[in-house]
Amino acid sequence: MIDSTTLLEQALSLPENERAKIAARLLESLDENAQRDIDAEWVAEIERRCAAVDAGTLATSDWQDVRARIEREIFGR
């Protein structure tokens, strides 16, 4: 079995994109349960919003109106 210091030295010698992949995967491994909880919350929120749209209780906006408002407010157009 390789020790963590040797493993770290080997990882640090990799190209940047490979180090980024490893770093991302390590971070994901620390919070797998939290990510599952977040995913479940997003599913519940999406279902709530879809139900509100279906029931006609959610105010919606036309994309062209939203885009025009964004351009006015952010881009000053």
Protein backbone atom coordinates (compact mmCIF):
# COMPACT_ATOMS: atom_id res chain seq x y z
CA MET A 1 0.00 0.00 0.00
CA ILE A 2 1.28 3.47 -0.93
CA ASP A 3 1.52 6.07 1.84
CA SER A 4 -0.34 9.36 1.57
CA THR A 5 2.81 11.48 1.22
CA THR A 6 4.01 9.49 -1.77
CA LEU A 7 0.53 9.53 -3.28
CA LEU A 8 0.33 13.31 -2.84
CA GLU A 9 3.74 13.81 -4.46
CA GLN A 10 2.67 11.68 -7.42
CA ALA A 11 -0.62 13.52 -7.74
CA LEU A 12 1.11 16.90 -7.64
CA SER A 13 3.35 15.84 -10.51
CA LEU A 14 0.33 15.30 -12.79
CA PRO A 15 -0.84 17.88 -15.34
CA GLU A 16 -3.21 20.53 -14.02
CA ASN A 17 -6.34 19.07 -15.62
CA GLU A 18 -5.66 15.66 -14.07
CA ARG A 19 -5.03 17.23 -10.64
CA ALA A 20 -8.32 19.12 -10.98
CA LYS A 21 -10.19 15.88 -11.72
CA ILE A 22 -8.66 14.20 -8.68
CA ALA A 23 -9.36 17.21 -6.45
CA ALA A 24 -12.99 17.35 -7.57
CA ARG A 25 -13.49 13.65 -6.93
CA LEU A 26 -11.88 13.87 -3.49
CA LEU A 27 -14.12 16.78 -2.54
CA GLU A 28 -17.17 14.90 -3.78
CA SER A 29 -16.20 11.92 -1.65
CA LEU A 30 -16.25 14.04 1.50
CA ASP A 31 -19.86 15.10 1.11
CA GLU A 32 -21.64 12.28 -0.73
CA ASN A 33 -24.49 12.22 1.81
CA ALA A 34 -24.87 15.98 1.66
CA GLN A 35 -25.05 15.86 -2.14
CA ARG A 36 -27.78 13.24 -1.97
CA ASP A 37 -29.73 15.52 0.37
CA ILE A 38 -29.23 18.47 -1.97
CA ASP A 39 -30.34 16.41 -4.96
CA ALA A 40 -33.47 15.28 -3.10
CA GLU A 41 -34.28 18.89 -2.17
CA TRP A 42 -33.92 19.98 -5.82
CA VAL A 43 -36.23 17.19 -6.95
CA ALA A 44 -38.82 18.28 -4.38
CA GLU A 45 -38.49 21.93 -5.46
CA ILE A 46 -38.85 21.07 -9.15
CA GLU A 47 -41.90 18.95 -8.41
CA ARG A 48 -43.40 21.78 -6.32
CA ARG A 49 -42.85 24.30 -9.12
CA CYS A 50 -44.24 21.97 -11.79
CA ALA A 51 -47.34 21.35 -9.66
CA ALA A 52 -47.79 25.11 -9.19
CA VAL A 53 -47.52 25.70 -12.94
CA ASP A 54 -50.01 22.90 -13.61
CA ALA A 55 -52.40 24.36 -11.02
CA GLY A 56 -52.03 27.83 -12.48
CA THR A 57 -50.85 29.26 -9.15
CA LEU A 58 -47.33 30.18 -10.25
CA ALA A 59 -46.81 33.48 -12.02
CA THR A 60 -44.87 32.96 -15.23
CA SER A 61 -43.25 35.41 -17.61
CA ASP A 62 -42.69 35.43 -21.32
CA TRP A 63 -39.02 34.93 -22.19
CA GLN A 64 -38.92 38.03 -24.39
CA ASP A 65 -40.19 40.16 -21.49
CA VAL A 66 -37.65 38.66 -19.09
CA ARG A 67 -34.82 39.14 -21.56
CA ALA A 68 -35.80 42.78 -22.17
CA ARG A 69 -35.89 43.43 -18.41
CA ILE A 70 -32.45 41.83 -17.95
CA GLU A 71 -31.02 43.92 -20.77
CA ARG A 72 -32.48 47.11 -19.26
CA GLU A 73 -31.44 46.39 -15.68
CA ILE A 74 -28.04 44.86 -16.23
CA PHE A 75 -26.84 46.08 -19.58
CA GLY A 76 -28.63 49.44 -19.67
CA ARG A 77 -30.15 48.72 -23.09
